[in-house]
Amino acid sequence: VPSSSKLTVKRHRTLRYESTDSSVASVNAKTG
């Protein structure tokens, strides 16, 4: 969610995902 509707945000990288315990549930860092 951008901080202002008047400004555009340049996307240098996509969202990142991380799991606290990958033995219970793992997550793909790029796709979620």
PDB file of all heavy atoms in Angstrom:
ATOM      1  N   VAL A   1       0.866  -1.173   0.000  1.00  0.00           N
ATOM      2  CA  VAL A   1       0.000   0.000   0.000  1.00  0.00           C
ATOM      3  C   VAL A   1       0.903   1.222   0.000  1.00  0.00           C
ATOM      4  O   VAL A   1       1.678   1.419   0.933  1.00  0.00           O
ATOM      5  CB  VAL A   1      -0.911   0.018   1.246  1.00  0.00           C
ATOM      6  CG1 VAL A   1      -1.777   1.258   1.270  1.00  0.00           C
ATOM      7  CG2 VAL A   1      -1.756  -1.237   1.302  1.00  0.00           C
ATOM      8  N   PRO A   2       0.864   2.063  -1.060  1.00  0.00           N
ATOM      9  CA  PRO A   2       1.735   3.236  -1.102  1.00  0.00           C
ATOM     10  C   PRO A   2       1.357   4.262  -0.034  1.00  0.00           C
ATOM     11  O   PRO A   2       0.213   4.353   0.386  1.00  0.00           O
ATOM     12  CB  PRO A   2       1.530   3.802  -2.508  1.00  0.00           C
ATOM     13  CG  PRO A   2       0.360   3.121  -3.075  1.00  0.00           C
ATOM     14  CD  PRO A   2       0.050   1.925  -2.254  1.00  0.00           C
ATOM     15  N   SER A   3       2.349   5.043   0.405  1.00  0.00           N
ATOM     16  CA  SER A   3       2.110   6.040   1.445  1.00  0.00           C
ATOM     17  C   SER A   3       1.285   7.215   0.934  1.00  0.00           C
ATOM     18  O   SER A   3       0.651   7.903   1.702  1.00  0.00           O
ATOM     19  CB  SER A   3       3.432   6.539   2.021  1.00  0.00           C
ATOM     20  OG  SER A   3       4.216   7.098   1.000  1.00  0.00           O
ATOM     21  N   SER A   4       1.295   7.435  -0.370  1.00  0.00           N
ATOM     22  CA  SER A   4       0.513   8.516  -0.954  1.00  0.00           C
ATOM     23  C   SER A   4       0.035   8.090  -2.330  1.00  0.00           C
ATOM     24  O   SER A   4       0.783   7.481  -3.088  1.00  0.00           O
ATOM     25  CB  SER A   4       1.361   9.785  -1.072  1.00  0.00           C
ATOM     26  OG  SER A   4       0.674  10.765  -1.813  1.00  0.00           O
ATOM     27  N   SER A   5      -1.196   8.422  -2.657  1.00  0.00           N
ATOM     28  CA  SER A   5      -1.725   8.072  -3.972  1.00  0.00           C
ATOM     29  C   SER A   5      -1.130   8.957  -5.073  1.00  0.00           C
ATOM     30  O   SER A   5      -1.212   8.629  -6.245  1.00  0.00           O
ATOM     31  CB  SER A   5      -3.246   8.191  -3.980  1.00  0.00           C
ATOM     32  OG  SER A   5      -3.622   9.524  -3.698  1.00  0.00           O
ATOM     33  N   LYS A   6      -0.494  10.063  -4.681  1.00  0.00           N
ATOM     34  CA  LYS A   6       0.095  10.974  -5.661  1.00  0.00           C
ATOM     35  C   LYS A   6       1.497  10.539  -6.095  1.00  0.00           C
ATOM     36  O   LYS A   6       1.970  10.939  -7.138  1.00  0.00           O
ATOM     37  CB  LYS A   6       0.159  12.386  -5.083  1.00  0.00           C
ATOM     38  CG  LYS A   6      -1.202  12.975  -4.809  1.00  0.00           C
ATOM     39  CD  LYS A   6      -1.090  14.333  -4.180  1.00  0.00           C
ATOM     40  CE  LYS A   6      -2.465  14.869  -3.854  1.00  0.00           C
ATOM     41  NZ  LYS A   6      -2.404  16.165  -3.190  1.00  0.00           N
ATOM     42  N   LEU A   7       2.156   9.728  -5.250  1.00  0.00           N
ATOM     43  CA  LEU A   7       3.519   9.300  -5.551  1.00  0.00           C
ATOM     44  C   LEU A   7       3.533   7.893  -6.128  1.00  0.00           C
ATOM     45  O   LEU A   7       2.716   7.060  -5.758  1.00  0.00           O
ATOM     46  CB  LEU A   7       4.376   9.323  -4.280  1.00  0.00           C
ATOM     47  CG  LEU A   7       4.533  10.662  -3.591  1.00  0.00           C
ATOM     48  CD1 LEU A   7       5.280  10.480  -2.286  1.00  0.00           C
ATOM     49  CD2 LEU A   7       5.273  11.636  -4.478  1.00  0.00           C
ATOM     50  N   THR A   8       4.471   7.651  -7.020  1.00  0.00           N
ATOM     51  CA  THR A   8       4.646   6.297  -7.522  1.00  0.00           C
ATOM     52  C   THR A   8       5.858   5.674  -6.840  1.00  0.00           C
ATOM     53  O   THR A   8       6.815   6.367  -6.493  1.00  0.00           O
ATOM     54  CB  THR A   8       4.862   6.282  -9.049  1.00  0.00           C
ATOM     55  OG1 THR A   8       6.013   7.069  -9.355  1.00  0.00           O
ATOM     56  CG2 THR A   8       3.670   6.839  -9.784  1.00  0.00           C
ATOM     57  N   VAL A   9       5.784   4.381  -6.645  1.00  0.00           N
ATOM     58  CA  VAL A   9       6.862   3.663  -5.981  1.00  0.00           C
ATOM     59  C   VAL A   9       7.568   2.810  -7.020  1.00  0.00           C
ATOM     60  O   VAL A   9       6.941   2.019  -7.716  1.00  0.00           O
ATOM     61  CB  VAL A   9       6.306   2.763  -4.858  1.00  0.00           C
ATOM     62  CG1 VAL A   9       7.426   1.981  -4.200  1.00  0.00           C
ATOM     63  CG2 VAL A   9       5.560   3.592  -3.836  1.00  0.00           C
ATOM     64  N   LYS A  10       8.867   3.032  -7.164  1.00  0.00           N
ATOM     65  CA  LYS A  10       9.641   2.201  -8.081  1.00  0.00           C
ATOM     66  C   LYS A  10       9.921   0.875  -7.406  1.00  0.00           C
ATOM     67  O   LYS A  10      10.350   0.821  -6.269  1.00  0.00           O
ATOM     68  CB  LYS A  10      10.938   2.891  -8.464  1.00  0.00           C
ATOM     69  CG  LYS A  10      10.686   4.135  -9.255  1.00  0.00           C
ATOM     70  CD  LYS A  10      11.881   4.516 -10.053  1.00  0.00           C
ATOM     71  CE  LYS A  10      11.504   5.733 -10.871  1.00  0.00           C
ATOM     72  NZ  LYS A  10      12.142   5.766 -12.117  1.00  0.00           N
ATOM     73  N   ARG A  11       9.664  -0.205  -8.104  1.00  0.00           N
ATOM     74  CA  ARG A  11       9.833  -1.545  -7.552  1.00  0.00           C
ATOM     75  C   ARG A  11      11.216  -2.072  -7.898  1.00  0.00           C
ATOM     76  O   ARG A  11      11.486  -2.473  -9.020  1.00  0.00           O
ATOM     77  CB  ARG A  11       8.771  -2.501  -8.103  1.00  0.00           C
ATOM     78  CG  ARG A  11       7.370  -2.058  -7.819  1.00  0.00           C
ATOM     79  CD  ARG A  11       6.991  -2.326  -6.404  1.00  0.00           C
ATOM     80  NE  ARG A  11       5.677  -1.744  -6.142  1.00  0.00           N
ATOM     81  CZ  ARG A  11       5.329  -1.208  -5.025  1.00  0.00           C
ATOM     82  NH1 ARG A  11       6.158  -1.160  -4.034  1.00  0.00           N
ATOM     83  NH2 ARG A  11       4.144  -0.699  -4.855  1.00  0.00           N
ATOM     84  N   HIS A  12      12.120  -2.022  -6.926  1.00  0.00           N
ATOM     85  CA  HIS A  12      13.467  -2.546  -7.130  1.00  0.00           C
ATOM     86  C   HIS A  12      13.528  -4.030  -6.828  1.00  0.00           C
ATOM     87  O   HIS A  12      14.359  -4.740  -7.331  1.00  0.00           O
ATOM     88  CB  HIS A  12      14.470  -1.796  -6.248  1.00  0.00           C
ATOM     89  CG  HIS A  12      14.512  -0.339  -6.549  1.00  0.00           C
ATOM     90  ND1 HIS A  12      15.050   0.155  -7.710  1.00  0.00           N
ATOM     91  CD2 HIS A  12      14.050   0.728  -5.862  1.00  0.00           C
ATOM     92  CE1 HIS A  12      14.934   1.480  -7.711  1.00  0.00           C
ATOM     93  NE2 HIS A  12      14.331   1.848  -6.608  1.00  0.00           N
ATOM     94  N   ARG A  13      12.642  -4.470  -5.956  1.00  0.00           N
ATOM     95  CA  ARG A  13      12.548  -5.896  -5.663  1.00  0.00           C
ATOM     96  C   ARG A  13      11.111  -6.221  -5.280  1.00  0.00           C
ATOM     97  O   ARG A  13      10.346  -5.356  -4.849  1.00  0.00           O
ATOM     98  CB  ARG A  13      13.505  -6.314  -4.556  1.00  0.00           C
ATOM     99  CG  ARG A  13      13.224  -5.662  -3.252  1.00  0.00           C
ATOM    100  CD  ARG A  13      14.124  -6.157  -2.161  1.00  0.00           C
ATOM    101  NE  ARG A  13      13.522  -5.700  -0.921  1.00  0.00           N
ATOM    102  CZ  ARG A  13      13.839  -6.116   0.262  1.00  0.00           C
ATOM    103  NH1 ARG A  13      14.768  -7.000   0.399  1.00  0.00           N
ATOM    104  NH2 ARG A  13      13.246  -5.667   1.316  1.00  0.00           N
ATOM    105  N   THR A  14      10.757  -7.473  -5.414  1.00  0.00           N
ATOM    106  CA  THR A  14       9.399  -7.901  -5.119  1.00  0.00           C
ATOM    107  C   THR A  14       9.253  -8.204  -3.637  1.00  0.00           C
ATOM    108  O   THR A  14      10.182  -8.035  -2.858  1.00  0.00           O
ATOM    109  CB  THR A  14       9.059  -9.158  -5.934  1.00  0.00           C
ATOM    110  OG1 THR A  14      10.003 -10.187  -5.601  1.00  0.00           O
ATOM    111  CG2 THR A  14       9.120  -8.876  -7.419  1.00  0.00           C
ATOM    112  N   LEU A  15       8.101  -8.668  -3.248  1.00  0.00           N
ATOM    113  CA  LEU A  15       7.876  -9.077  -1.869  1.00  0.00           C
ATOM    114  C   LEU A  15       8.708 -10.312  -1.553  1.00  0.00           C
ATOM    115  O   LEU A  15       8.975 -11.132  -2.432  1.00  0.00           O
ATOM    116  CB  LEU A  15       6.400  -9.397  -1.647  1.00  0.00           C
ATOM    117  CG  LEU A  15       5.425  -8.245  -1.888  1.00  0.00           C
ATOM    118  CD1 LEU A  15       3.997  -8.738  -1.732  1.00  0.00           C
ATOM    119  CD2 LEU A  15       5.690  -7.100  -0.943  1.00  0.00           C
ATOM    120  N   ARG A  16       9.106 -10.453  -0.300  1.00  0.00           N
ATOM    121  CA  ARG A  16       9.880 -11.612   0.151  1.00  0.00           C
ATOM    122  C   ARG A  16       9.120 -12.303   1.278  1.00  0.00           C
ATOM    123  O   ARG A  16       8.441 -11.648   2.066  1.00  0.00           O
ATOM    124  CB  ARG A  16      11.263 -11.194   0.660  1.00  0.00           C
ATOM    125  CG  ARG A  16      12.155 -10.698  -0.425  1.00  0.00           C
ATOM    126  CD  ARG A  16      12.566 -11.847  -1.293  1.00  0.00           C
ATOM    127  NE  ARG A  16      13.399 -11.377  -2.366  1.00  0.00           N
ATOM    128  CZ  ARG A  16      13.525 -11.990  -3.507  1.00  0.00           C
ATOM    129  NH1 ARG A  16      12.863 -13.079  -3.746  1.00  0.00           N
ATOM    130  NH2 ARG A  16      14.311 -11.517  -4.436  1.00  0.00           N
ATOM    131  N   TYR A  17       9.252 -13.620   1.328  1.00  0.00           N
ATOM    132  CA  TYR A  17       8.545 -14.436   2.306  1.00  0.00           C
ATOM    133  C   TYR A  17       9.539 -15.272   3.086  1.00  0.00           C
ATOM    134  O   TYR A  17      10.535 -15.737   2.540  1.00  0.00           O
ATOM    135  CB  TYR A  17       7.553 -15.358   1.587  1.00  0.00           C
ATOM    136  CG  TYR A  17       6.588 -14.614   0.704  1.00  0.00           C
ATOM    137  CD1 TYR A  17       6.903 -14.319  -0.620  1.00  0.00           C
ATOM    138  CD2 TYR A  17       5.352 -14.200   1.176  1.00  0.00           C
ATOM    139  CE1 TYR A  17       6.019 -13.634  -1.437  1.00  0.00           C
ATOM    140  CE2 TYR A  17       4.463 -13.508   0.366  1.00  0.00           C
ATOM    141  CZ  TYR A  17       4.807 -13.236  -0.932  1.00  0.00           C
ATOM    142  OH  TYR A  17       3.926 -12.555  -1.729  1.00  0.00           O
ATOM    143  N   GLU A  18       9.254 -15.468   4.403  1.00  0.00           N
ATOM    144  CA  GLU A  18      10.163 -16.213   5.262  1.00  0.00           C
ATOM    145  C   GLU A  18       9.360 -16.957   6.326  1.00  0.00           C
ATOM    146  O   GLU A  18       8.396 -16.424   6.869  1.00  0.00           O
ATOM    147  CB  GLU A  18      11.130 -15.238   5.925  1.00  0.00           C
ATOM    148  CG  GLU A  18      12.153 -15.863   6.809  1.00  0.00           C
ATOM    149  CD  GLU A  18      13.062 -14.827   7.445  1.00  0.00           C
ATOM    150  OE1 GLU A  18      12.609 -13.680   7.671  1.00  0.00           O
ATOM    151  OE2 GLU A  18      14.209 -15.172   7.721  1.00  0.00           O
ATOM    152  N   SER A  19       9.768 -18.196   6.637  1.00  0.00           N
ATOM    153  CA  SER A  19       9.128 -19.011   7.655  1.00  0.00           C
ATOM    154  C   SER A  19      10.020 -19.099   8.889  1.00  0.00           C
ATOM    155  O   SER A  19      11.240 -19.211   8.767  1.00  0.00           O
ATOM    156  CB  SER A  19       8.867 -20.421   7.123  1.00  0.00           C
ATOM    157  OG  SER A  19       8.370 -21.258   8.135  1.00  0.00           O
ATOM    158  N   THR A  20       9.406 -19.085  10.095  1.00  0.00           N
ATOM    159  CA  THR A  20      10.188 -19.198  11.319  1.00  0.00           C
ATOM    160  C   THR A  20      10.566 -20.643  11.614  1.00  0.00           C
ATOM    161  O   THR A  20      11.527 -20.885  12.334  1.00  0.00           O
ATOM    162  CB  THR A  20       9.424 -18.634  12.530  1.00  0.00           C
ATOM    163  OG1 THR A  20       8.181 -19.334  12.656  1.00  0.00           O
ATOM    164  CG2 THR A  20       9.203 -17.155  12.387  1.00  0.00           C
ATOM    165  N   ASP A  21       9.818 -21.605  11.078  1.00  0.00           N
ATOM    166  CA  ASP A  21      10.119 -23.023  11.298  1.00  0.00           C
ATOM    167  C   ASP A  21       9.796 -23.790  10.022  1.00  0.00           C
ATOM    168  O   ASP A  21       8.667 -24.223   9.808  1.00  0.00           O
ATOM    169  CB  ASP A  21       9.310 -23.575  12.473  1.00  0.00           C
ATOM    170  CG  ASP A  21       9.768 -24.948  12.906  1.00  0.00           C
ATOM    171  OD1 ASP A  21      10.626 -25.541  12.222  1.00  0.00           O
ATOM    172  OD2 ASP A  21       9.268 -25.440  13.933  1.00  0.00           O
ATOM    173  N   SER A  22      10.792 -23.965   9.168  1.00  0.00           N
ATOM    174  CA  SER A  22      10.562 -24.605   7.876  1.00  0.00           C
ATOM    175  C   SER A  22      10.307 -26.100   7.984  1.00  0.00           C
ATOM    176  O   SER A  22       9.938 -26.729   7.010  1.00  0.00           O
ATOM    177  CB  SER A  22      11.738 -24.337   6.936  1.00  0.00           C
ATOM    178  OG  SER A  22      12.933 -24.832   7.497  1.00  0.00           O
ATOM    179  N   SER A  23      10.493 -26.707   9.168  1.00  0.00           N
ATOM    180  CA  SER A  23      10.150 -28.116   9.330  1.00  0.00           C
ATOM    181  C   SER A  23       8.642 -28.292   9.516  1.00  0.00           C
ATOM    182  O   SER A  23       8.098 -29.352   9.250  1.00  0.00           O
ATOM    183  CB  SER A  23      10.901 -28.730  10.509  1.00  0.00           C
ATOM    184  OG  SER A  23      10.477 -28.145  11.722  1.00  0.00           O
ATOM    185  N   VAL A  24       7.933 -27.251   9.941  1.00  0.00           N
ATOM    186  CA  VAL A  24       6.477 -27.283  10.079  1.00  0.00           C
ATOM    187  C   VAL A  24       5.821 -26.845   8.768  1.00  0.00           C
ATOM    188  O   VAL A  24       4.958 -27.531   8.223  1.00  0.00           O
ATOM    189  CB  VAL A  24       6.011 -26.380  11.243  1.00  0.00           C
ATOM    190  CG1 VAL A  24       4.494 -26.285  11.286  1.00  0.00           C
ATOM    191  CG2 VAL A  24       6.550 -26.903  12.553  1.00  0.00           C
ATOM    192  N   ALA A  25       6.226 -25.686   8.255  1.00  0.00           N
ATOM    193  CA  ALA A  25       5.699 -25.165   6.992  1.00  0.00           C
ATOM    194  C   ALA A  25       6.795 -24.351   6.318  1.00  0.00           C
ATOM    195  O   ALA A  25       7.361 -23.455   6.918  1.00  0.00           O
ATOM    196  CB  ALA A  25       4.476 -24.293   7.232  1.00  0.00           C
ATOM    197  N   SER A  26       7.083 -24.700   5.088  1.00  0.00           N
ATOM    198  CA  SER A  26       8.075 -23.933   4.334  1.00  0.00           C
ATOM    199  C   SER A  26       7.340 -22.988   3.391  1.00  0.00           C
ATOM    200  O   SER A  26       6.177 -23.206   3.054  1.00  0.00           O
ATOM    201  CB  SER A  26       8.999 -24.864   3.554  1.00  0.00           C
ATOM    202  OG  SER A  26       8.268 -25.572   2.580  1.00  0.00           O
ATOM    203  N   VAL A  27       8.044 -21.943   2.968  1.00  0.00           N
ATOM    204  CA  VAL A  27       7.449 -20.974   2.054  1.00  0.00           C
ATOM    205  C   VAL A  27       8.484 -20.620   0.993  1.00  0.00           C
ATOM    206  O   VAL A  27       9.665 -20.467   1.285  1.00  0.00           O
ATOM    207  CB  VAL A  27       6.946 -19.714   2.816  1.00  0.00           C
ATOM    208  CG1 VAL A  27       8.078 -18.975   3.479  1.00  0.00           C
ATOM    209  CG2 VAL A  27       6.171 -18.794   1.905  1.00  0.00           C
ATOM    210  N   ASN A  28       8.029 -20.516  -0.254  1.00  0.00           N
ATOM    211  CA  ASN A  28       8.907 -20.098  -1.337  1.00  0.00           C
ATOM    212  C   ASN A  28       9.179 -18.610  -1.156  1.00  0.00           C
ATOM    213  O   ASN A  28       8.246 -17.806  -1.060  1.00  0.00           O
ATOM    214  CB  ASN A  28       8.247 -20.379  -2.688  1.00  0.00           C
ATOM    215  CG  ASN A  28       9.146 -20.068  -3.849  1.00  0.00           C
ATOM    216  OD1 ASN A  28       9.634 -18.958  -3.990  1.00  0.00           O
ATOM    217  ND2 ASN A  28       9.362 -21.047  -4.695  1.00  0.00           N
ATOM    218  N   ALA A  29      10.444 -18.232  -1.113  1.00  0.00           N
ATOM    219  CA  ALA A  29      10.834 -16.848  -0.813  1.00  0.00           C
ATOM    220  C   ALA A  29      10.347 -15.849  -1.859  1.00  0.00           C
ATOM    221  O   ALA A  29      10.182 -14.671  -1.555  1.00  0.00           O
ATOM    222  CB  ALA A  29      12.349 -16.754  -0.680  1.00  0.00           C
ATOM    223  N   LYS A  30      10.122 -16.288  -3.089  1.00  0.00           N
ATOM    224  CA  LYS A  30       9.717 -15.350  -4.140  1.00  0.00           C
ATOM    225  C   LYS A  30       8.226 -15.382  -4.440  1.00  0.00           C
ATOM    226  O   LYS A  30       7.636 -14.350  -4.718  1.00  0.00           O
ATOM    227  CB  LYS A  30      10.497 -15.649  -5.417  1.00  0.00           C
ATOM    228  CG  LYS A  30      11.965 -15.329  -5.296  1.00  0.00           C
ATOM    229  CD  LYS A  30      12.683 -15.556  -6.598  1.00  0.00           C
ATOM    230  CE  LYS A  30      14.156 -15.239  -6.452  1.00  0.00           C
ATOM    231  NZ  LYS A  30      14.881 -15.387  -7.706  1.00  0.00           N
ATOM    232  N   THR A  31       7.594 -16.568  -4.409  1.00  0.00           N
ATOM    233  CA  THR A  31       6.193 -16.677  -4.813  1.00  0.00           C
ATOM    234  C   THR A  31       5.204 -16.673  -3.666  1.00  0.00           C
ATOM    235  O   THR A  31       4.025 -16.416  -3.868  1.00  0.00           O
ATOM    236  CB  THR A  31       5.969 -17.963  -5.634  1.00  0.00           C
ATOM    237  OG1 THR A  31       6.247 -19.096  -4.803  1.00  0.00           O
ATOM    238  CG2 THR A  31       6.838 -17.991  -6.876  1.00  0.00           C
ATOM    239  N   GLY A  32       5.648 -16.980  -2.439  1.00  0.00           N
ATOM    240  CA  GLY A  32       4.756 -16.999  -1.297  1.00  0.00           C
ATOM    241  C   GLY A  32       3.924 -18.263  -1.182  1.00  0.00           C
ATOM    242  O   GLY A  32       2.916 -18.288  -0.482  1.00  0.00           O
TER     243      GLY A  32
END
